[in-house]
Each structure stands twice: as structure tokens, then as C-alpha cells.
Amino acid sequence: MTKKLKYLKTRVMEPREGVKYSTTYYQQNSEQAQEAFKHIKHVAESIVDVCERDLDMREFVQSPLAGFSKTTNKPNYSMEDVVTDLLNQLDNGKDIPSGMIGRWNRLFKETPWDIELEEYISTKEIRTGLFNNMFEIK
């Protein structure tokens, strides 16, 4: 079952010089970020628990994964990299880049650790929007 997490809005950062793609960030309020951090931390702790009991699993978790390439001339992401990158991003209070979510979901597809992000609209925003639409305020 997919874990649903909320976000307030997205922010697109234009490509830097020499980069062909833009980056989309998911912005969360503190409560949403805390819920995301709690989920990611639970996953990290579960992986650590397994690795402490199984040395072969530890080696697998730390090994580069096929199809999870980093920038040129660097080894591919490992499972450990994917988990710790997202955990550190949230722990440092930063918005979540869509690339991190993409890697996470490719790694944990169709597991309880998979993440679905939903835009959160407060009831105040809904009421304001309905009021504005009723009176055609723009």
C-alpha cells in the first residue's frame, strides 16, 4: 500500500547553466514535512535492522543499483544512498526534489514504502475560492 504524503505547492527551479533539465520541488508545511520524515526514518530503521542481522543484505543495500545513475563518472546510487539522501533532505528542512521521489518510488515500487504526493488544499482556500467564483472576483 502506497504511503500518501501531502504538500502545499510545487516550485520549479529553472535549469542551471550546462544542465538540460529543470527541477521541481515539493514544498511542505512543518507538519507535512514531519510526517514525511517519520515515514522515511521508519524505512531507514527497518533497513538497518535487516542489515544488522544479514551481512549479505548489508552488502546489497550498499551496492550500486543498475538503472540508478548519478552524474557522469560517479557510481550509481545504492539503496543506502536513495534512503539517506531523502532522509537528510527532510532532516535539514529542505523541500523535496521530484528526482529524489522518483528514485525512491522506482526502488520501492508497489511496496508499503512507496510514496504518493498529494497537493493539500486547506478548507480556508476552498472557501475563499468558492466565494471568489460566486462573485466572479479575480
N, C-alpha and C. Protein backbone atom coordinates (compact mmCIF):
# COMPACT_ATOMS: atom_id res chain seq x y z
N MET A 1 0.85 -1.19 0.00
CA MET A 1 0.00 0.00 0.00
C MET A 1 0.89 1.24 0.00
N THR A 2 0.59 2.13 -0.85
CA THR A 2 1.35 3.36 -1.01
C THR A 2 1.11 4.31 0.16
N LYS A 3 2.18 4.96 0.60
CA LYS A 3 2.08 5.97 1.66
C LYS A 3 1.76 7.31 1.00
N LYS A 4 0.63 7.90 1.39
CA LYS A 4 0.24 9.20 0.85
C LYS A 4 0.76 10.31 1.74
N LEU A 5 1.48 11.24 1.14
CA LEU A 5 2.01 12.39 1.85
C LEU A 5 1.50 13.66 1.19
N LYS A 6 1.29 14.68 1.97
CA LYS A 6 0.75 15.95 1.47
C LYS A 6 1.87 16.97 1.23
N TYR A 7 1.59 17.88 0.31
CA TYR A 7 2.47 19.02 0.09
C TYR A 7 1.61 20.24 -0.20
N LEU A 8 2.16 21.43 0.02
CA LEU A 8 1.41 22.67 -0.19
C LEU A 8 1.39 23.09 -1.64
N LYS A 9 2.57 23.10 -2.26
CA LYS A 9 2.66 23.51 -3.66
C LYS A 9 4.00 23.06 -4.21
N THR A 10 4.13 23.18 -5.52
CA THR A 10 5.41 22.87 -6.14
C THR A 10 6.09 24.16 -6.57
N ARG A 11 7.39 24.06 -6.66
CA ARG A 11 8.21 25.19 -7.11
C ARG A 11 9.16 24.63 -8.15
N VAL A 12 9.24 25.30 -9.31
CA VAL A 12 10.12 24.84 -10.38
C VAL A 12 11.35 25.74 -10.43
N MET A 13 12.51 25.12 -10.36
CA MET A 13 13.76 25.85 -10.47
C MET A 13 14.27 25.66 -11.89
N GLU A 14 14.51 26.73 -12.59
CA GLU A 14 14.95 26.67 -13.98
C GLU A 14 16.33 26.00 -14.06
N PRO A 15 16.64 25.42 -15.21
CA PRO A 15 17.93 24.74 -15.37
C PRO A 15 19.11 25.67 -15.13
N ARG A 16 20.11 25.15 -14.47
CA ARG A 16 21.36 25.88 -14.31
C ARG A 16 22.12 25.82 -15.63
N GLU A 17 23.10 26.66 -15.77
CA GLU A 17 23.91 26.66 -16.97
C GLU A 17 24.58 25.29 -17.13
N GLY A 18 24.48 24.75 -18.33
CA GLY A 18 25.08 23.46 -18.61
C GLY A 18 24.20 22.28 -18.25
N VAL A 19 23.02 22.54 -17.70
CA VAL A 19 22.08 21.48 -17.32
C VAL A 19 20.85 21.60 -18.20
N LYS A 20 20.36 20.46 -18.70
CA LYS A 20 19.26 20.47 -19.67
C LYS A 20 17.87 20.34 -19.04
N TYR A 21 17.81 20.19 -17.74
CA TYR A 21 16.51 19.95 -17.11
C TYR A 21 16.27 20.93 -15.97
N SER A 22 15.00 21.17 -15.68
CA SER A 22 14.64 21.98 -14.52
C SER A 22 14.29 21.02 -13.38
N THR A 23 14.29 21.53 -12.17
CA THR A 23 13.98 20.70 -11.01
C THR A 23 12.70 21.21 -10.36
N THR A 24 11.80 20.29 -10.06
CA THR A 24 10.57 20.63 -9.35
C THR A 24 10.74 20.21 -7.89
N TYR A 25 10.36 21.12 -6.99
CA TYR A 25 10.44 20.86 -5.56
C TYR A 25 9.04 20.83 -4.98
N TYR A 26 8.81 19.91 -4.05
CA TYR A 26 7.56 19.84 -3.31
C TYR A 26 7.74 20.59 -2.00
N GLN A 27 6.95 21.64 -1.80
CA GLN A 27 7.04 22.43 -0.58
C GLN A 27 5.99 21.92 0.41
N GLN A 28 6.42 21.72 1.66
CA GLN A 28 5.54 21.21 2.71
C GLN A 28 5.57 22.14 3.90
N ASN A 29 4.46 22.17 4.65
CA ASN A 29 4.50 22.88 5.92
C ASN A 29 5.20 21.98 6.93
N SER A 30 5.42 22.47 8.13
CA SER A 30 6.21 21.71 9.11
C SER A 30 5.54 20.39 9.49
N GLU A 31 4.23 20.38 9.59
CA GLU A 31 3.51 19.14 9.94
C GLU A 31 3.64 18.10 8.83
N GLN A 32 3.51 18.53 7.58
CA GLN A 32 3.64 17.62 6.44
C GLN A 32 5.07 17.08 6.34
N ALA A 33 6.04 17.96 6.54
CA ALA A 33 7.45 17.54 6.48
C ALA A 33 7.76 16.55 7.61
N GLN A 34 7.18 16.77 8.77
CA GLN A 34 7.39 15.86 9.91
C GLN A 34 6.81 14.48 9.60
N GLU A 35 5.65 14.44 8.98
CA GLU A 35 5.04 13.15 8.62
C GLU A 35 5.90 12.43 7.58
N ALA A 36 6.41 13.16 6.61
CA ALA A 36 7.30 12.57 5.59
C ALA A 36 8.57 12.05 6.24
N PHE A 37 9.17 12.85 7.13
CA PHE A 37 10.40 12.45 7.81
C PHE A 37 10.16 11.18 8.62
N LYS A 38 9.04 11.11 9.30
CA LYS A 38 8.71 9.94 10.12
C LYS A 38 8.63 8.67 9.26
N HIS A 39 8.00 8.80 8.09
CA HIS A 39 7.87 7.66 7.17
C HIS A 39 9.25 7.22 6.66
N ILE A 40 10.05 8.17 6.20
CA ILE A 40 11.37 7.85 5.65
C ILE A 40 12.27 7.27 6.75
N LYS A 41 12.20 7.83 7.94
CA LYS A 41 13.01 7.33 9.06
C LYS A 41 12.62 5.90 9.41
N HIS A 42 11.32 5.60 9.38
CA HIS A 42 10.85 4.23 9.65
C HIS A 42 11.44 3.25 8.63
N VAL A 43 11.44 3.65 7.36
CA VAL A 43 12.01 2.81 6.31
C VAL A 43 13.50 2.59 6.57
N ALA A 44 14.22 3.68 6.87
CA ALA A 44 15.66 3.58 7.13
C ALA A 44 15.94 2.65 8.31
N GLU A 45 15.18 2.78 9.38
CA GLU A 45 15.37 1.93 10.56
C GLU A 45 15.07 0.46 10.25
N SER A 46 14.07 0.23 9.41
CA SER A 46 13.74 -1.15 9.03
C SER A 46 14.88 -1.77 8.23
N ILE A 47 15.47 -1.00 7.33
CA ILE A 47 16.58 -1.50 6.52
C ILE A 47 17.79 -1.76 7.41
N VAL A 48 18.08 -0.85 8.33
CA VAL A 48 19.21 -1.04 9.25
C VAL A 48 19.00 -2.31 10.08
N ASP A 49 17.79 -2.54 10.57
CA ASP A 49 17.50 -3.74 11.36
C ASP A 49 17.83 -5.02 10.58
N VAL A 50 17.41 -5.06 9.32
CA VAL A 50 17.66 -6.24 8.49
C VAL A 50 19.16 -6.39 8.24
N CYS A 51 19.84 -5.29 7.96
CA CYS A 51 21.27 -5.33 7.66
C CYS A 51 22.11 -5.77 8.86
N GLU A 52 21.65 -5.45 10.04
CA GLU A 52 22.38 -5.87 11.25
C GLU A 52 22.33 -7.39 11.43
N ARG A 53 21.29 -8.01 10.92
CA ARG A 53 21.13 -9.47 11.06
C ARG A 53 21.67 -10.24 9.85
N ASP A 54 21.82 -9.57 8.72
CA ASP A 54 22.17 -10.27 7.48
C ASP A 54 23.25 -9.49 6.73
N LEU A 55 24.48 -10.00 6.76
CA LEU A 55 25.60 -9.31 6.12
C LEU A 55 25.46 -9.26 4.60
N ASP A 56 24.84 -10.28 4.00
CA ASP A 56 24.61 -10.25 2.55
C ASP A 56 23.66 -9.12 2.18
N MET A 57 22.66 -8.92 3.01
CA MET A 57 21.71 -7.82 2.77
C MET A 57 22.42 -6.48 2.91
N ARG A 58 23.29 -6.35 3.89
CA ARG A 58 24.04 -5.11 4.08
C ARG A 58 24.86 -4.80 2.83
N GLU A 59 25.51 -5.82 2.28
CA GLU A 59 26.30 -5.63 1.06
C GLU A 59 25.40 -5.19 -0.10
N PHE A 60 24.22 -5.81 -0.22
CA PHE A 60 23.28 -5.44 -1.28
C PHE A 60 22.83 -3.99 -1.12
N VAL A 61 22.49 -3.59 0.08
CA VAL A 61 21.99 -2.24 0.35
C VAL A 61 23.05 -1.18 0.01
N GLN A 62 24.31 -1.53 0.15
CA GLN A 62 25.39 -0.59 -0.10
C GLN A 62 25.95 -0.66 -1.53
N SER A 63 25.47 -1.60 -2.32
CA SER A 63 25.97 -1.79 -3.69
C SER A 63 25.24 -0.88 -4.67
N PRO A 64 25.96 -0.35 -5.68
CA PRO A 64 25.31 0.47 -6.71
C PRO A 64 24.23 -0.33 -7.44
N LEU A 65 23.11 0.34 -7.74
CA LEU A 65 21.97 -0.30 -8.38
C LEU A 65 21.95 0.00 -9.88
N ALA A 66 21.70 -1.00 -10.69
CA ALA A 66 21.56 -0.79 -12.14
C ALA A 66 20.36 0.11 -12.39
N GLY A 67 20.52 1.08 -13.28
CA GLY A 67 19.41 1.98 -13.62
C GLY A 67 19.25 3.15 -12.68
N PHE A 68 20.13 3.31 -11.72
CA PHE A 68 20.07 4.41 -10.75
C PHE A 68 21.33 5.26 -10.86
N SER A 69 21.54 5.80 -12.06
CA SER A 69 22.79 6.52 -12.31
C SER A 69 22.80 7.91 -11.69
N LYS A 70 24.00 8.28 -11.26
CA LYS A 70 24.25 9.64 -10.78
C LYS A 70 24.82 10.42 -11.95
N THR A 71 25.40 11.54 -11.64
CA THR A 71 26.03 12.32 -12.69
C THR A 71 27.22 11.55 -13.26
N THR A 72 27.74 12.01 -14.36
CA THR A 72 28.83 11.35 -15.07
C THR A 72 30.01 11.03 -14.14
N ASN A 73 30.61 9.89 -14.38
CA ASN A 73 31.82 9.44 -13.69
C ASN A 73 31.64 9.19 -12.20
N LYS A 74 30.43 8.93 -11.77
CA LYS A 74 30.19 8.55 -10.37
C LYS A 74 29.46 7.22 -10.36
N PRO A 75 29.66 6.41 -9.31
CA PRO A 75 28.93 5.13 -9.25
C PRO A 75 27.44 5.38 -9.09
N ASN A 76 26.65 4.41 -9.52
CA ASN A 76 25.19 4.51 -9.38
C ASN A 76 24.79 4.65 -7.92
N TYR A 77 23.56 5.14 -7.72
CA TYR A 77 23.00 5.20 -6.37
C TYR A 77 22.84 3.79 -5.83
N SER A 78 23.07 3.64 -4.55
CA SER A 78 22.76 2.39 -3.85
C SER A 78 21.44 2.61 -3.12
N MET A 79 20.87 1.54 -2.58
CA MET A 79 19.66 1.69 -1.77
C MET A 79 19.95 2.62 -0.59
N GLU A 80 21.12 2.45 0.01
CA GLU A 80 21.52 3.31 1.12
C GLU A 80 21.54 4.79 0.71
N ASP A 81 22.07 5.08 -0.49
CA ASP A 81 22.11 6.46 -0.99
C ASP A 81 20.72 7.05 -1.14
N VAL A 82 19.82 6.28 -1.75
CA VAL A 82 18.46 6.76 -2.01
C VAL A 82 17.77 7.11 -0.69
N VAL A 83 17.89 6.23 0.29
CA VAL A 83 17.21 6.44 1.57
C VAL A 83 17.86 7.59 2.34
N THR A 84 19.19 7.59 2.45
CA THR A 84 19.84 8.64 3.25
C THR A 84 19.73 10.01 2.60
N ASP A 85 19.74 10.09 1.26
CA ASP A 85 19.58 11.39 0.60
C ASP A 85 18.24 12.03 0.97
N LEU A 86 17.17 11.26 0.88
CA LEU A 86 15.85 11.80 1.18
C LEU A 86 15.71 12.10 2.67
N LEU A 87 16.22 11.23 3.50
CA LEU A 87 16.17 11.45 4.95
C LEU A 87 16.92 12.74 5.32
N ASN A 88 18.11 12.93 4.77
CA ASN A 88 18.89 14.15 5.05
C ASN A 88 18.20 15.40 4.53
N GLN A 89 17.58 15.31 3.37
CA GLN A 89 16.87 16.45 2.79
C GLN A 89 15.77 16.92 3.75
N LEU A 90 14.99 15.97 4.25
CA LEU A 90 13.90 16.30 5.16
C LEU A 90 14.42 16.73 6.53
N ASP A 91 15.47 16.07 7.01
CA ASP A 91 16.04 16.39 8.31
C ASP A 91 16.61 17.81 8.33
N ASN A 92 17.07 18.29 7.18
CA ASN A 92 17.62 19.65 7.08
C ASN A 92 16.56 20.69 6.74
N GLY A 93 15.29 20.27 6.71
CA GLY A 93 14.20 21.21 6.49
C GLY A 93 14.10 21.73 5.06
N LYS A 94 14.63 20.99 4.11
CA LYS A 94 14.60 21.42 2.71
C LYS A 94 13.41 20.83 1.98
N ASP A 95 12.97 21.52 0.92
CA ASP A 95 11.91 20.99 0.07
C ASP A 95 12.43 19.73 -0.64
N ILE A 96 11.50 18.87 -1.03
CA ILE A 96 11.87 17.59 -1.64
C ILE A 96 11.91 17.72 -3.15
N PRO A 97 13.06 17.46 -3.77
CA PRO A 97 13.13 17.48 -5.24
C PRO A 97 12.39 16.27 -5.83
N SER A 98 11.73 16.48 -6.96
CA SER A 98 10.99 15.39 -7.59
C SER A 98 11.90 14.23 -7.96
N GLY A 99 13.17 14.51 -8.29
CA GLY A 99 14.10 13.44 -8.64
C GLY A 99 14.30 12.46 -7.49
N MET A 100 14.36 12.97 -6.27
CA MET A 100 14.52 12.08 -5.11
C MET A 100 13.30 11.19 -4.93
N ILE A 101 12.12 11.78 -5.12
CA ILE A 101 10.89 11.00 -5.01
C ILE A 101 10.84 9.95 -6.12
N GLY A 102 11.26 10.33 -7.31
CA GLY A 102 11.28 9.39 -8.43
C GLY A 102 12.17 8.19 -8.16
N ARG A 103 13.39 8.45 -7.65
CA ARG A 103 14.30 7.35 -7.32
C ARG A 103 13.71 6.47 -6.22
N TRP A 104 13.16 7.13 -5.20
CA TRP A 104 12.55 6.40 -4.07
C TRP A 104 11.46 5.47 -4.59
N ASN A 105 10.58 5.98 -5.43
CA ASN A 105 9.46 5.18 -5.91
C ASN A 105 9.89 4.08 -6.88
N ARG A 106 10.95 4.30 -7.66
CA ARG A 106 11.46 3.21 -8.51
C ARG A 106 12.02 2.10 -7.64
N LEU A 107 12.67 2.47 -6.55
CA LEU A 107 13.27 1.48 -5.65
C LEU A 107 12.20 0.71 -4.87
N PHE A 108 11.18 1.39 -4.39
CA PHE A 108 10.19 0.77 -3.51
C PHE A 108 8.82 0.61 -4.17
N LYS A 109 8.79 0.55 -5.49
CA LYS A 109 7.54 0.42 -6.23
C LYS A 109 6.72 -0.76 -5.72
N GLU A 110 5.42 -0.49 -5.54
CA GLU A 110 4.44 -1.49 -5.13
C GLU A 110 4.77 -2.13 -3.78
N THR A 111 5.35 -1.33 -2.89
CA THR A 111 5.58 -1.78 -1.50
C THR A 111 4.90 -0.77 -0.59
N PRO A 112 4.79 -1.08 0.69
CA PRO A 112 4.23 -0.10 1.63
C PRO A 112 5.09 1.15 1.78
N TRP A 113 6.31 1.11 1.25
CA TRP A 113 7.22 2.24 1.38
C TRP A 113 7.12 3.21 0.20
N ASP A 114 6.40 2.84 -0.84
CA ASP A 114 6.17 3.70 -2.00
C ASP A 114 5.47 4.98 -1.52
N ILE A 115 5.74 6.11 -2.17
CA ILE A 115 5.18 7.40 -1.75
C ILE A 115 4.33 8.00 -2.87
N GLU A 116 3.16 8.49 -2.50
CA GLU A 116 2.33 9.27 -3.41
C GLU A 116 2.15 10.65 -2.79
N LEU A 117 2.51 11.68 -3.54
CA LEU A 117 2.37 13.04 -3.03
C LEU A 117 1.06 13.63 -3.53
N GLU A 118 0.31 14.21 -2.61
CA GLU A 118 -0.97 14.85 -2.93
C GLU A 118 -0.90 16.31 -2.53
N GLU A 119 -1.39 17.17 -3.40
CA GLU A 119 -1.43 18.59 -3.04
C GLU A 119 -2.50 18.80 -1.98
N TYR A 120 -2.14 19.53 -0.95
CA TYR A 120 -3.05 19.81 0.16
C TYR A 120 -3.67 21.19 -0.06
N ILE A 121 -4.98 21.21 -0.04
CA ILE A 121 -5.70 22.48 -0.13
C ILE A 121 -6.51 22.63 1.14
N SER A 122 -6.26 23.70 1.87
CA SER A 122 -6.95 23.90 3.14
C SER A 122 -8.41 24.26 2.89
N THR A 123 -9.25 24.04 3.90
CA THR A 123 -10.66 24.40 3.77
C THR A 123 -10.80 25.91 3.61
N LYS A 124 -9.90 26.69 4.19
CA LYS A 124 -9.94 28.14 4.03
C LYS A 124 -9.73 28.51 2.55
N GLU A 125 -8.77 27.85 1.90
CA GLU A 125 -8.53 28.12 0.48
C GLU A 125 -9.73 27.72 -0.37
N ILE A 126 -10.36 26.61 -0.01
CA ILE A 126 -11.54 26.17 -0.74
C ILE A 126 -12.67 27.18 -0.59
N ARG A 127 -12.91 27.62 0.65
CA ARG A 127 -13.98 28.59 0.89
C ARG A 127 -13.70 29.90 0.15
N THR A 128 -12.46 30.37 0.20
CA THR A 128 -12.10 31.62 -0.48
C THR A 128 -12.30 31.47 -1.98
N GLY A 129 -11.87 30.33 -2.54
CA GLY A 129 -12.04 30.10 -3.96
C GLY A 129 -13.49 30.05 -4.37
N LEU A 130 -14.32 29.38 -3.56
CA LEU A 130 -15.76 29.31 -3.86
C LEU A 130 -16.39 30.70 -3.79
N PHE A 131 -16.01 31.47 -2.76
CA PHE A 131 -16.54 32.83 -2.61
C PHE A 131 -16.14 33.67 -3.82
N ASN A 132 -14.88 33.62 -4.19
CA ASN A 132 -14.41 34.41 -5.33
C ASN A 132 -15.10 34.00 -6.62
N ASN A 133 -15.32 32.70 -6.80
CA ASN A 133 -16.01 32.23 -8.00
C ASN A 133 -17.47 32.65 -8.01
N MET A 134 -18.12 32.62 -6.85
CA MET A 134 -19.52 33.02 -6.76
C MET A 134 -19.70 34.47 -7.20
N PHE A 135 -18.78 35.32 -6.82
CA PHE A 135 -18.91 36.74 -7.10
C PHE A 135 -17.95 37.18 -8.21
N GLU A 136 -17.39 36.20 -8.90
CA GLU A 136 -16.50 36.45 -10.03
C GLU A 136 -15.38 37.42 -9.68
N ILE A 137 -14.81 37.26 -8.50
CA ILE A 137 -13.68 38.08 -8.07
C ILE A 137 -12.41 37.43 -8.60
N LYS A 138 -11.61 38.23 -9.25
CA LYS A 138 -10.37 37.67 -9.83
C LYS A 138 -9.17 38.44 -9.39
